[in-house]
Amino acid sequence: MSVDFHTHPLADRYYCSFTSPRVPTLRDAEDIAEFLAAASSRGIDVIAVTDHDCVASGWFAKRVAREAGLPILVVPGVEVTTNFRGWRVHVLAYNLKEDLPPNTLAPWEAVEEVHVRGGVAVLAHPARNGEYGPEIFFRCLNAGVDGVEVRNRMNGNFDPAYWLGEKSEWNGRLVMQTAGSDWHWYGSRLIAPGDFSVGVPVDWLIGKGLITPEEAGTALSRRAAREREKRGNRGKAAGRRKERDIHKDGLDFLCQKGVGLGCPSAI
């Protein structure tokens, strides 16, 4: 199932803010609705809404998508700002009900707190953490982080093979490798293209509580319908090409006989 684990309908509006609203403002609601309308045309199955230090937008986006019948599942999330030696490190948290205090916890402390609150934690764009990256990742792994963002449109790729090996495991536990567009929405203008996603096993998404079995069934049915439509469109295009080829072959044959209109011998 294709998932974009990292998006920002509200861009950087509440980044590192202790005053993010518990209910989206009118401006927030309008931006989220516009963002979802654009996101639903991308042809992916699931999108996580992970605004900076603001859990309210993700839950609002999930409700909007459901009530509007948009062809995309929304996972409510938040990008938590943590701190390590004065360096801001981001942890993506899913299914949290309340915000964590920004720029206060260490990354691995945030991972542990997310789990205490029943959420799922993924280390965001570790490639951006520079010389601190290995230690941060190691300590987050020991804290039980659920995943690591290995592809990020804005902040590059990260190879976890040294730590996770071929099976993407740490001490026998699967650590999911995720991707995110890090799509910041500014009205009709995009900071990053919105077509970045990664295939994720449905069982993992359900097991982590990010989607329900019913939602998975709906999403897979939508995907099957899209594939049928694509095959139909390809078939129509192939049919039109075949008709053109037949028509051209016919004209070539007539020209060879010197009777086709527009052939030199017929003028």
Protein backbone atom coordinates (compact mmCIF):
# COMPACT_ATOMS: atom_id res chain seq x y z
CA MET A 1 0.00 0.00 0.00
CA SER A 2 1.47 3.38 -1.00
CA VAL A 3 1.93 5.80 1.91
CA ASP A 4 3.32 9.32 2.24
CA PHE A 5 4.27 9.44 5.92
CA HIS A 6 5.26 13.12 6.13
CA THR A 7 3.23 16.18 5.03
CA HIS A 8 2.46 19.68 6.28
CA PRO A 9 -0.90 21.23 5.29
CA LEU A 10 -0.10 24.13 7.64
CA ALA A 11 3.52 24.42 6.47
CA ASP A 12 5.61 25.83 9.36
CA ARG A 13 2.77 27.68 11.09
CA TYR A 14 3.16 26.14 14.54
CA TYR A 15 6.77 25.02 14.34
CA CYS A 16 8.26 24.77 17.83
CA SER A 17 5.20 26.53 19.24
CA PHE A 18 3.75 26.02 22.70
CA THR A 19 0.51 27.68 21.57
CA SER A 20 -0.76 25.43 18.75
CA PRO A 21 -4.57 25.29 18.90
CA ARG A 22 -6.49 22.32 20.23
CA VAL A 23 -9.04 22.99 17.48
CA PRO A 24 -7.93 24.27 14.04
CA THR A 25 -8.62 27.92 13.32
CA LEU A 26 -10.74 28.92 10.31
CA ARG A 27 -7.56 29.61 8.33
CA ASP A 28 -6.15 26.22 9.36
CA ALA A 29 -9.35 24.45 8.32
CA GLU A 30 -9.37 26.11 4.89
CA ASP A 31 -5.73 25.19 4.25
CA ILE A 32 -6.27 21.59 5.35
CA ALA A 33 -9.31 21.20 3.08
CA GLU A 34 -7.42 22.65 0.08
CA PHE A 35 -4.42 20.45 0.82
CA LEU A 36 -6.54 17.30 0.97
CA ALA A 37 -8.27 18.16 -2.30
CA ALA A 38 -4.85 18.37 -3.96
CA ALA A 39 -3.48 15.31 -2.16
CA SER A 40 -6.43 13.10 -3.13
CA SER A 41 -5.53 13.50 -6.81
CA ARG A 42 -2.06 12.00 -6.32
CA GLY A 43 -3.15 8.39 -6.68
CA ILE A 44 -1.67 7.13 -3.40
CA ASP A 45 -3.53 5.12 -0.77
CA VAL A 46 -2.61 6.75 2.53
CA ILE A 47 -1.30 10.13 3.59
CA ALA A 48 -0.11 11.11 7.06
CA VAL A 49 -0.76 14.69 8.14
CA THR A 50 2.19 15.62 10.38
CA ASP A 51 2.18 19.35 10.99
CA HIS A 52 4.86 20.74 13.26
CA ASP A 53 4.00 20.45 16.96
CA CYS A 54 0.24 20.42 16.29
CA VAL A 55 -1.79 17.23 16.62
CA ALA A 56 -5.11 18.96 15.97
CA SER A 57 -4.61 19.32 12.21
CA GLY A 58 -4.15 15.58 11.64
CA TRP A 59 -7.36 14.59 13.40
CA PHE A 60 -9.26 17.36 11.64
CA ALA A 61 -7.86 16.24 8.27
CA LYS A 62 -8.94 12.65 8.92
CA ARG A 63 -12.50 13.81 9.63
CA VAL A 64 -12.60 16.07 6.56
CA ALA A 65 -11.39 13.29 4.25
CA ARG A 66 -13.95 10.85 5.63
CA GLU A 67 -16.91 13.25 5.54
CA ALA A 68 -16.04 14.52 2.05
CA GLY A 69 -15.61 10.99 0.73
CA LEU A 70 -12.13 11.74 -0.60
CA PRO A 71 -10.34 8.77 -2.21
CA ILE A 72 -7.49 8.75 0.29
CA LEU A 73 -6.96 7.57 3.87
CA VAL A 74 -5.56 10.06 6.39
CA VAL A 75 -3.37 9.05 9.31
CA PRO A 76 -3.35 11.75 12.01
CA GLY A 77 0.17 12.65 13.05
CA VAL A 78 2.52 15.35 14.24
CA GLU A 79 6.17 16.20 13.72
CA VAL A 80 7.53 16.64 17.22
CA THR A 81 10.46 19.00 17.73
CA THR A 82 13.00 17.45 20.09
CA ASN A 83 16.45 18.58 21.19
CA PHE A 84 19.88 16.97 21.30
CA ARG A 85 22.83 19.15 22.36
CA GLY A 86 21.08 22.24 21.05
CA TRP A 87 20.25 20.58 17.70
CA ARG A 88 16.59 20.31 16.73
CA VAL A 89 15.72 16.73 15.86
CA HIS A 90 12.31 15.72 14.52
CA VAL A 91 10.27 12.66 15.44
CA LEU A 92 7.12 11.80 13.51
CA ALA A 93 4.39 10.59 15.85
CA TYR A 94 1.10 9.05 14.74
CA ASN A 95 -2.21 8.70 16.56
CA LEU A 96 -1.30 11.03 19.40
CA LYS A 97 -4.19 12.83 21.08
CA GLU A 98 -2.15 15.57 22.73
CA ASP A 99 0.95 17.54 21.81
CA LEU A 100 4.31 16.86 23.39
CA PRO A 101 6.20 19.93 24.66
CA PRO A 102 8.36 21.11 21.72
CA ASN A 103 12.15 21.42 21.86
CA THR A 104 12.22 19.90 25.35
CA LEU A 105 12.62 16.14 25.12
CA ALA A 106 15.54 14.21 23.65
CA PRO A 107 14.55 12.26 20.52
CA TRP A 108 14.58 8.87 22.26
CA GLU A 109 12.62 10.33 25.18
CA ALA A 110 10.00 11.48 22.67
CA VAL A 111 9.88 7.96 21.20
CA GLU A 112 9.25 6.51 24.65
CA GLU A 113 6.61 9.13 25.47
CA VAL A 114 4.82 8.51 22.16
CA HIS A 115 4.61 4.82 23.05
CA VAL A 116 3.34 5.58 26.56
CA ARG A 117 0.53 7.56 24.93
CA GLY A 118 -0.32 4.74 22.53
CA GLY A 119 1.24 6.23 19.41
CA VAL A 120 3.69 5.16 16.73
CA ALA A 121 7.10 6.86 16.40
CA VAL A 122 9.30 7.27 13.32
CA LEU A 123 12.62 9.13 13.26
CA ALA A 124 12.29 11.85 10.62
CA HIS A 125 14.96 12.62 7.98
CA PRO A 126 17.97 11.32 9.99
CA ALA A 127 20.25 12.36 7.13
CA ARG A 128 19.78 15.92 8.34
CA ASN A 129 21.22 15.22 11.77
CA GLY A 130 24.84 15.42 10.62
CA GLU A 131 27.52 14.22 13.00
CA TYR A 132 24.91 13.55 15.68
CA GLY A 133 22.98 11.22 13.38
CA PRO A 134 24.51 7.85 14.35
CA GLU A 135 24.14 8.40 18.09
CA ILE A 136 20.59 9.71 17.75
CA PHE A 137 19.55 6.77 15.60
CA PHE A 138 21.22 4.23 17.89
CA ARG A 139 19.51 5.61 20.99
CA CYS A 140 16.14 5.82 19.24
CA LEU A 141 16.50 2.19 18.14
CA ASN A 142 17.14 1.16 21.74
CA ALA A 143 14.09 3.19 22.77
CA GLY A 144 11.95 1.09 20.43
CA VAL A 145 11.38 3.48 17.52
CA ASP A 146 8.88 1.94 15.10
CA GLY A 147 10.38 3.25 11.87
CA VAL A 148 12.96 5.44 10.20
CA GLU A 149 12.43 7.80 7.28
CA VAL A 150 14.90 6.61 4.65
CA ARG A 151 13.62 8.82 1.81
CA ASN A 152 12.66 12.45 2.23
CA ARG A 153 12.04 14.77 -0.71
CA MET A 154 13.31 17.82 1.15
CA ASN A 155 16.17 16.36 3.19
CA GLY A 156 17.60 13.49 1.18
CA ASN A 157 18.01 9.76 1.71
CA PHE A 158 19.37 7.73 4.60
CA ASP A 159 20.78 4.21 4.43
CA PRO A 160 20.11 2.26 7.68
CA ALA A 161 21.73 -0.98 6.48
CA TYR A 162 24.66 -0.68 8.91
CA TRP A 163 22.24 -0.86 11.85
CA LEU A 164 19.29 -2.83 10.46
CA GLY A 165 20.83 -5.21 7.94
CA GLU A 166 18.93 -6.75 5.05
CA LYS A 167 15.85 -7.63 7.12
CA SER A 168 15.45 -4.09 8.52
CA GLU A 169 15.51 -5.42 12.07
CA TRP A 170 16.99 -4.26 15.36
CA ASN A 171 17.40 -6.98 18.00
CA GLY A 172 14.93 -9.12 16.08
CA ARG A 173 12.32 -6.36 15.85
CA LEU A 174 11.15 -4.97 12.49
CA VAL A 175 11.92 -1.28 11.99
CA MET A 176 9.82 -0.02 9.10
CA GLN A 177 11.60 2.05 6.46
CA THR A 178 9.34 4.92 5.40
CA ALA A 179 9.27 7.75 2.90
CA GLY A 180 7.80 11.23 3.03
CA SER A 181 7.38 14.10 0.64
CA ASP A 182 7.73 16.60 3.51
CA TRP A 183 5.16 18.48 1.42
CA HIS A 184 4.68 22.01 2.77
CA TRP A 185 1.44 23.53 1.56
CA TYR A 186 1.32 27.25 0.79
CA GLY A 187 -1.99 27.60 -1.02
CA SER A 188 -1.48 26.60 -4.65
CA ARG A 189 2.32 26.79 -4.36
CA LEU A 190 4.29 23.73 -3.31
CA ILE A 191 7.67 23.64 -1.67
CA ALA A 192 8.06 19.99 -2.64
CA PRO A 193 6.34 17.87 -5.27
CA GLY A 194 3.58 15.78 -3.76
CA ASP A 195 4.31 12.42 -5.35
CA PHE A 196 6.66 10.79 -2.85
CA SER A 197 5.53 7.57 -1.20
CA VAL A 198 6.71 4.10 -0.31
CA GLY A 199 5.04 0.71 -0.39
CA VAL A 200 4.18 -0.51 3.11
CA PRO A 201 2.71 -3.90 4.12
CA VAL A 202 -0.98 -3.60 4.97
CA ASP A 203 -0.51 -5.89 7.98
CA TRP A 204 2.04 -3.50 9.49
CA LEU A 205 -0.28 -0.50 9.10
CA ILE A 206 -3.15 -2.41 10.69
CA GLY A 207 -0.97 -3.91 13.41
CA LYS A 208 0.29 -0.48 14.43
CA GLY A 209 -3.25 0.87 14.51
CA LEU A 210 -2.62 3.41 11.76
CA ILE A 211 -5.55 2.13 9.70
CA THR A 212 -8.38 -0.31 10.37
CA PRO A 213 -9.01 -3.51 8.39
CA GLU A 214 -12.13 -1.86 6.95
CA GLU A 215 -10.13 1.17 5.82
CA ALA A 216 -7.54 -1.13 4.27
CA GLY A 217 -10.25 -2.93 2.33
CA THR A 218 -11.64 0.37 1.05
CA ALA A 219 -8.20 1.59 0.02
CA LEU A 220 -7.35 -1.64 -1.78
CA SER A 221 -10.67 -1.53 -3.63
CA ARG A 222 -9.91 2.03 -4.74
CA ARG A 223 -6.49 0.96 -5.93
CA ALA A 224 -7.96 -1.93 -7.91
CA ALA A 225 -10.44 0.46 -9.53
CA ARG A 226 -7.60 2.84 -10.47
CA GLU A 227 -5.65 -0.03 -12.00
CA ARG A 228 -8.66 -1.16 -14.01
CA GLU A 229 -9.14 2.39 -15.25
CA LYS A 230 -5.46 2.65 -16.21
CA ARG A 231 -5.61 -0.65 -18.08
CA GLY A 232 -8.76 0.53 -19.83
CA ASN A 233 -7.12 3.79 -20.84
CA ARG A 234 -4.03 1.94 -22.06
CA GLY A 235 -6.28 -0.39 -24.04
CA LYS A 236 -8.11 2.53 -25.62
CA ALA A 237 -4.81 4.21 -26.49
CA ALA A 238 -3.49 0.98 -27.98
CA GLY A 239 -6.70 0.64 -29.98
CA ARG A 240 -6.35 4.16 -31.36
CA ARG A 241 -2.72 3.46 -32.28
CA LYS A 242 -3.77 0.26 -34.03
CA GLU A 243 -6.46 2.12 -35.99
CA ARG A 244 -3.90 4.73 -37.06
CA ASP A 245 -1.46 2.00 -38.09
CA ILE A 246 -4.15 0.21 -40.12
CA HIS A 247 -5.12 3.48 -41.76
CA LYS A 248 -1.48 4.26 -42.57
CA ASP A 249 -0.89 0.76 -43.95
CA GLY A 250 -3.93 1.20 -46.17
CA LEU A 251 -2.68 4.53 -47.49
CA ASP A 252 0.76 3.06 -48.13
CA PHE A 253 -0.82 0.20 -50.08
CA LEU A 254 -2.88 2.60 -52.20
CA CYS A 255 0.16 4.75 -52.85
CA GLN A 256 2.06 1.68 -54.02
CA LYS A 257 -0.77 1.10 -56.51
CA GLY A 258 -0.65 4.77 -57.53
CA VAL A 259 -4.29 5.40 -56.65
CA GLY A 260 -4.11 7.00 -53.23
CA LEU A 261 -5.12 10.63 -52.94
CA GLY A 262 -2.01 12.69 -52.35
CA CYS A 263 0.30 10.08 -53.86
CA PRO A 264 2.62 11.53 -56.52
CA SER A 265 1.35 9.20 -59.26
CA ALA A 266 -2.26 10.07 -58.47
CA ILE A 267 -1.81 13.84 -58.91
